[in-house]
N, C-alpha and C. Protein backbone atom coordinates (compact mmCIF):
# COMPACT_ATOMS: atom_id res chain seq x y z
N UNK A 1 226.09 92.53 61.76
CA UNK A 1 224.68 92.37 62.27
C UNK A 1 224.02 91.93 60.97
N UNK A 2 223.16 90.86 60.97
CA UNK A 2 222.53 90.34 59.80
C UNK A 2 221.26 91.34 59.43
N UNK A 3 220.86 91.19 58.21
CA UNK A 3 219.85 92.01 57.79
C UNK A 3 218.46 91.75 58.61
N UNK A 4 218.28 90.57 58.82
CA UNK A 4 217.17 90.04 59.66
C UNK A 4 217.06 90.76 60.94
N UNK A 5 218.27 90.44 61.67
CA UNK A 5 218.46 91.11 63.03
C UNK A 5 218.43 92.48 63.19
N UNK A 6 218.80 93.30 62.21
CA UNK A 6 218.75 94.76 61.96
C UNK A 6 217.31 95.00 61.73
N UNK A 7 216.54 94.47 60.93
CA UNK A 7 215.05 94.88 60.66
C UNK A 7 214.31 94.55 61.92
N UNK A 8 214.53 93.38 62.86
CA UNK A 8 213.92 93.26 64.06
C UNK A 8 214.28 94.24 64.91
N UNK A 9 215.46 94.80 65.11
CA UNK A 9 215.98 95.78 65.99
C UNK A 9 215.05 97.03 65.60
N UNK A 10 215.12 97.36 64.32
CA UNK A 10 214.41 98.66 63.91
C UNK A 10 212.88 98.56 64.30
N UNK A 11 212.24 97.34 64.10
CA UNK A 11 210.74 97.13 64.23
C UNK A 11 210.62 97.34 65.87
N UNK A 12 211.35 96.68 66.57
CA UNK A 12 211.24 96.64 68.10
C UNK A 12 211.51 98.11 68.58
N UNK A 13 212.24 98.97 68.00
CA UNK A 13 212.42 100.34 68.39
C UNK A 13 211.20 101.19 68.00
N UNK A 14 210.75 100.89 66.78
CA UNK A 14 209.64 101.66 66.49
C UNK A 14 208.29 101.19 67.29
N UNK A 15 208.06 100.08 67.62
CA UNK A 15 206.96 99.65 68.55
C UNK A 15 207.09 100.37 69.94
N UNK A 16 208.43 100.34 70.46
CA UNK A 16 208.53 101.17 71.75
C UNK A 16 208.36 102.51 71.69
N UNK A 17 208.79 103.02 70.57
CA UNK A 17 208.50 104.50 70.37
C UNK A 17 207.08 104.86 70.34
N UNK A 18 206.26 104.07 69.47
CA UNK A 18 204.81 104.26 69.38
C UNK A 18 204.13 103.92 70.79
N UNK A 19 204.57 102.98 71.52
CA UNK A 19 203.95 102.70 72.87
C UNK A 19 204.22 103.96 73.89
N UNK A 20 205.44 104.46 73.85
CA UNK A 20 205.76 105.52 74.65
C UNK A 20 204.98 106.71 74.16
N UNK A 21 204.71 107.01 72.93
CA UNK A 21 203.92 108.19 72.28
C UNK A 21 202.52 108.15 72.68
N UNK A 22 202.09 106.96 73.04
CA UNK A 22 200.62 106.73 73.43
C UNK A 22 200.34 106.98 74.86
N UNK A 23 200.66 108.03 75.34
CA UNK A 23 200.52 108.58 76.69
C UNK A 23 198.92 108.76 76.76
N UNK A 24 198.35 108.78 77.98
CA UNK A 24 196.97 109.13 78.28
C UNK A 24 196.86 110.64 77.72
N UNK A 25 195.60 110.89 77.15
CA UNK A 25 195.30 112.17 76.72
C UNK A 25 195.35 113.31 77.78
N UNK A 26 194.98 112.81 79.05
CA UNK A 26 194.74 113.80 80.09
C UNK A 26 196.21 114.24 80.47
N UNK A 27 197.31 113.40 80.04
CA UNK A 27 198.71 113.86 80.36
C UNK A 27 198.87 115.26 79.82
N UNK A 28 198.39 115.28 78.36
CA UNK A 28 198.86 116.66 77.74
C UNK A 28 197.89 117.77 78.39
N UNK A 29 196.67 117.46 78.96
CA UNK A 29 196.04 118.46 79.52
C UNK A 29 196.81 118.97 80.83
N UNK A 30 197.13 117.83 81.76
CA UNK A 30 197.72 118.23 82.95
C UNK A 30 199.23 118.79 82.80
N UNK A 31 199.92 118.60 81.63
CA UNK A 31 201.22 119.00 81.36
C UNK A 31 201.01 120.41 80.94
N UNK A 32 199.98 120.89 80.49
CA UNK A 32 199.58 122.23 79.89
C UNK A 32 200.03 123.29 81.11
N UNK A 33 200.98 124.13 80.89
CA UNK A 33 201.15 125.08 81.96
C UNK A 33 200.00 126.04 82.15
N UNK A 34 199.30 126.22 81.24
CA UNK A 34 197.84 127.18 81.38
C UNK A 34 197.10 126.39 82.40
N UNK A 35 196.92 125.14 82.20
CA UNK A 35 196.08 124.16 83.17
C UNK A 35 196.64 124.42 84.41
N UNK A 36 198.02 124.09 84.68
CA UNK A 36 198.58 124.06 85.91
C UNK A 36 198.40 125.29 86.75
N UNK A 37 198.62 126.42 85.94
CA UNK A 37 198.53 127.75 86.63
C UNK A 37 196.95 128.26 86.98
N UNK A 38 196.09 127.73 86.13
CA UNK A 38 194.69 128.48 86.28
C UNK A 38 193.67 127.37 86.56
N UNK A 39 193.67 125.97 86.39
CA UNK A 39 192.72 125.12 86.66
C UNK A 39 193.11 124.01 87.72
N UNK A 40 194.34 123.68 87.95
CA UNK A 40 194.61 122.80 88.85
C UNK A 40 194.20 122.85 90.26
N UNK A 41 194.41 124.09 90.64
CA UNK A 41 193.99 124.69 92.02
C UNK A 41 192.54 124.00 92.36
N UNK A 42 191.65 124.20 91.58
CA UNK A 42 190.25 123.70 91.82
C UNK A 42 189.95 122.28 91.25
N UNK A 43 190.49 121.97 90.00
CA UNK A 43 190.19 120.61 89.45
C UNK A 43 191.34 119.45 89.61
N UNK A 44 192.24 119.80 90.51
CA UNK A 44 193.43 118.88 90.93
C UNK A 44 194.39 118.90 89.85
N UNK A 45 195.63 118.53 90.31
CA UNK A 45 196.84 118.43 89.29
C UNK A 45 196.63 117.29 88.36
N UNK A 46 195.81 116.24 88.61
CA UNK A 46 195.61 115.31 87.56
C UNK A 46 194.21 115.53 86.90
N UNK A 47 193.71 116.62 87.06
CA UNK A 47 192.47 117.02 86.52
C UNK A 47 191.24 116.03 86.92
N UNK A 48 191.41 115.33 87.86
CA UNK A 48 190.44 114.32 88.21
C UNK A 48 189.25 114.96 89.33
N UNK A 49 189.59 116.21 89.36
CA UNK A 49 188.49 116.98 90.37
C UNK A 49 188.91 116.91 91.99
N UNK A 50 188.38 117.72 92.71
CA UNK A 50 188.71 117.93 94.08
C UNK A 50 187.28 118.07 94.78
N UNK A 51 187.18 117.49 95.80
CA UNK A 51 186.06 117.44 96.73
C UNK A 51 185.79 118.83 97.12
N UNK A 52 184.52 119.25 96.97
CA UNK A 52 184.04 120.71 97.26
C UNK A 52 184.80 121.74 96.45
N UNK A 53 185.32 121.44 95.41
CA UNK A 53 185.98 122.40 94.59
C UNK A 53 185.57 122.01 93.19
N UNK A 54 186.36 122.04 92.22
CA UNK A 54 185.96 121.76 90.72
C UNK A 54 185.90 120.51 90.46
N UNK A 55 184.96 120.05 89.45
CA UNK A 55 184.68 118.67 89.12
C UNK A 55 185.81 117.98 88.29
N UNK A 56 185.90 116.83 88.20
CA UNK A 56 186.62 116.17 87.24
C UNK A 56 186.68 116.69 85.78
N UNK A 57 187.80 116.86 85.23
CA UNK A 57 187.78 117.28 83.72
C UNK A 57 188.00 116.01 82.89
N UNK A 58 188.18 114.92 83.35
CA UNK A 58 188.57 113.69 82.66
C UNK A 58 187.55 112.62 82.70
N UNK A 59 186.41 112.97 83.27
CA UNK A 59 185.29 111.99 83.44
C UNK A 59 184.45 112.10 82.15
N UNK A 60 183.61 111.05 82.18
CA UNK A 60 182.77 111.13 80.84
C UNK A 60 181.71 112.16 80.85
N UNK A 61 181.23 112.68 81.73
CA UNK A 61 180.41 113.72 81.88
C UNK A 61 181.06 115.02 81.24
N UNK A 62 182.23 115.24 81.74
CA UNK A 62 182.86 116.43 81.18
C UNK A 62 183.31 116.18 79.85
N UNK A 63 184.09 115.16 79.55
CA UNK A 63 184.51 114.88 78.18
C UNK A 63 183.54 114.66 77.10
N UNK A 64 182.28 114.40 77.71
CA UNK A 64 181.16 114.11 76.72
C UNK A 64 180.43 115.41 76.30
N UNK A 65 180.74 116.58 76.97
CA UNK A 65 180.17 117.89 76.72
C UNK A 65 180.75 118.38 75.36
N UNK A 66 179.93 119.22 74.72
CA UNK A 66 180.39 119.75 73.58
C UNK A 66 181.48 120.80 73.71
N UNK A 67 182.37 120.91 72.69
CA UNK A 67 183.43 121.88 72.83
C UNK A 67 182.77 123.34 72.99
N UNK A 68 181.60 123.61 72.44
CA UNK A 68 181.12 125.04 72.62
C UNK A 68 180.61 125.19 74.10
N UNK A 69 180.04 124.14 74.86
CA UNK A 69 179.81 124.14 76.06
C UNK A 69 180.92 124.45 76.85
N UNK A 70 181.91 123.65 76.64
CA UNK A 70 183.15 123.68 77.50
C UNK A 70 183.70 125.08 77.38
N UNK A 71 183.88 125.56 76.14
CA UNK A 71 184.41 126.87 75.99
C UNK A 71 183.60 127.92 76.54
N UNK A 72 182.30 128.00 76.69
CA UNK A 72 181.32 128.77 77.14
C UNK A 72 181.67 128.75 78.60
N UNK A 73 181.82 127.70 79.38
CA UNK A 73 181.93 127.56 80.74
C UNK A 73 183.39 128.20 81.18
N UNK A 74 184.45 127.90 80.31
CA UNK A 74 185.66 128.47 80.83
C UNK A 74 185.72 129.93 80.37
N UNK A 75 185.10 130.43 79.53
CA UNK A 75 185.17 131.76 79.06
C UNK A 75 184.23 132.60 80.07
N UNK A 76 182.94 132.19 80.31
CA UNK A 76 181.93 133.01 81.11
C UNK A 76 181.83 132.53 82.59
N UNK A 77 182.39 131.49 82.89
CA UNK A 77 182.25 130.97 84.18
C UNK A 77 180.79 130.35 84.43
N UNK A 78 180.66 129.56 85.48
CA UNK A 78 179.28 129.02 85.79
C UNK A 78 179.29 128.52 87.21
N UNK A 79 178.10 128.81 87.97
CA UNK A 79 178.15 128.66 89.27
C UNK A 79 179.42 129.10 90.15
N UNK A 80 180.20 128.27 90.62
CA UNK A 80 181.36 128.59 91.35
C UNK A 80 182.75 128.85 90.56
N UNK A 81 182.59 128.38 89.24
CA UNK A 81 183.70 128.55 88.30
C UNK A 81 183.85 130.03 87.91
N UNK A 82 184.88 130.66 88.10
CA UNK A 82 185.06 131.99 87.59
C UNK A 82 185.15 132.11 86.21
N UNK A 83 184.93 133.22 85.72
CA UNK A 83 185.16 133.37 84.17
C UNK A 83 186.66 133.58 83.84
N UNK A 84 187.01 133.03 82.76
CA UNK A 84 188.55 133.22 82.41
C UNK A 84 188.79 134.15 81.02
N UNK A 85 187.56 134.83 80.55
CA UNK A 85 187.77 135.51 79.44
C UNK A 85 188.76 136.72 79.44
N UNK A 86 189.07 137.16 80.69
CA UNK A 86 189.94 138.28 80.77
C UNK A 86 191.34 137.82 81.18
N UNK A 87 191.36 136.49 81.66
CA UNK A 87 192.77 135.85 81.96
C UNK A 87 193.46 135.08 81.16
N UNK A 88 192.66 134.42 80.14
CA UNK A 88 193.31 133.61 79.06
C UNK A 88 192.76 134.05 77.71
N UNK A 89 193.90 133.82 76.75
CA UNK A 89 193.65 134.21 75.49
C UNK A 89 192.66 133.01 74.80
N UNK A 90 191.97 133.37 73.86
CA UNK A 90 191.08 132.52 73.15
C UNK A 90 191.82 131.09 72.80
N UNK A 91 193.08 131.28 72.24
CA UNK A 91 193.80 130.15 71.79
C UNK A 91 194.12 129.21 73.13
N UNK A 92 194.35 129.86 74.30
CA UNK A 92 194.58 128.95 75.35
C UNK A 92 193.45 128.36 75.84
N UNK A 93 192.25 128.87 75.84
CA UNK A 93 190.90 128.31 76.17
C UNK A 93 190.79 127.21 75.27
N UNK A 94 190.88 127.57 73.86
CA UNK A 94 190.77 126.28 72.94
C UNK A 94 191.64 125.22 73.11
N UNK A 95 192.84 125.34 73.50
CA UNK A 95 193.78 124.31 73.84
C UNK A 95 193.22 123.61 74.93
N UNK A 96 192.84 124.15 75.90
CA UNK A 96 192.23 123.42 77.08
C UNK A 96 191.19 122.50 76.76
N UNK A 97 190.09 123.10 75.90
CA UNK A 97 189.02 122.46 75.33
C UNK A 97 189.31 121.37 74.64
N UNK A 98 190.30 121.49 73.73
CA UNK A 98 190.74 120.36 72.87
C UNK A 98 191.32 119.25 73.75
N UNK A 99 191.95 119.59 74.66
CA UNK A 99 192.66 118.68 75.48
C UNK A 99 191.71 117.71 76.42
N UNK A 100 190.63 118.65 76.87
CA UNK A 100 189.64 117.98 77.62
C UNK A 100 188.73 116.84 76.57
N UNK A 101 188.58 117.37 75.43
CA UNK A 101 187.87 116.46 74.58
C UNK A 101 188.63 115.33 74.04
N UNK A 102 189.85 115.42 74.12
CA UNK A 102 190.85 114.28 73.58
C UNK A 102 190.91 113.22 74.66
N UNK A 103 190.42 113.48 75.97
CA UNK A 103 190.47 112.38 76.95
C UNK A 103 189.57 111.39 76.69
N UNK A 104 190.07 110.02 76.59
CA UNK A 104 189.16 108.97 76.54
C UNK A 104 189.30 107.82 77.55
N UNK A 105 188.21 107.65 78.26
CA UNK A 105 188.46 106.85 79.35
C UNK A 105 187.81 105.45 79.08
């Protein structure tokens, strides 16, 4: 194999790997086992909300909220949202908040 062909193959492989790594941020939220066990029931498996249940966690309204507001809602509950302070560790709540904030639509 020529050096030029080898370099092209390496570049193509790196580009493909980078494209594969750039999955939608909500994928990391929805892949989170804590989300699936505690949030998906109301917010949907894709975090896009469920009618008459939890709102979307990947829309601009939610992702635009401050991390402190999201953390407070998850920890203490709000309206029909139960509090999770006694069910989740602070680091699990922080991970969910970070994953919500990472979503860009």
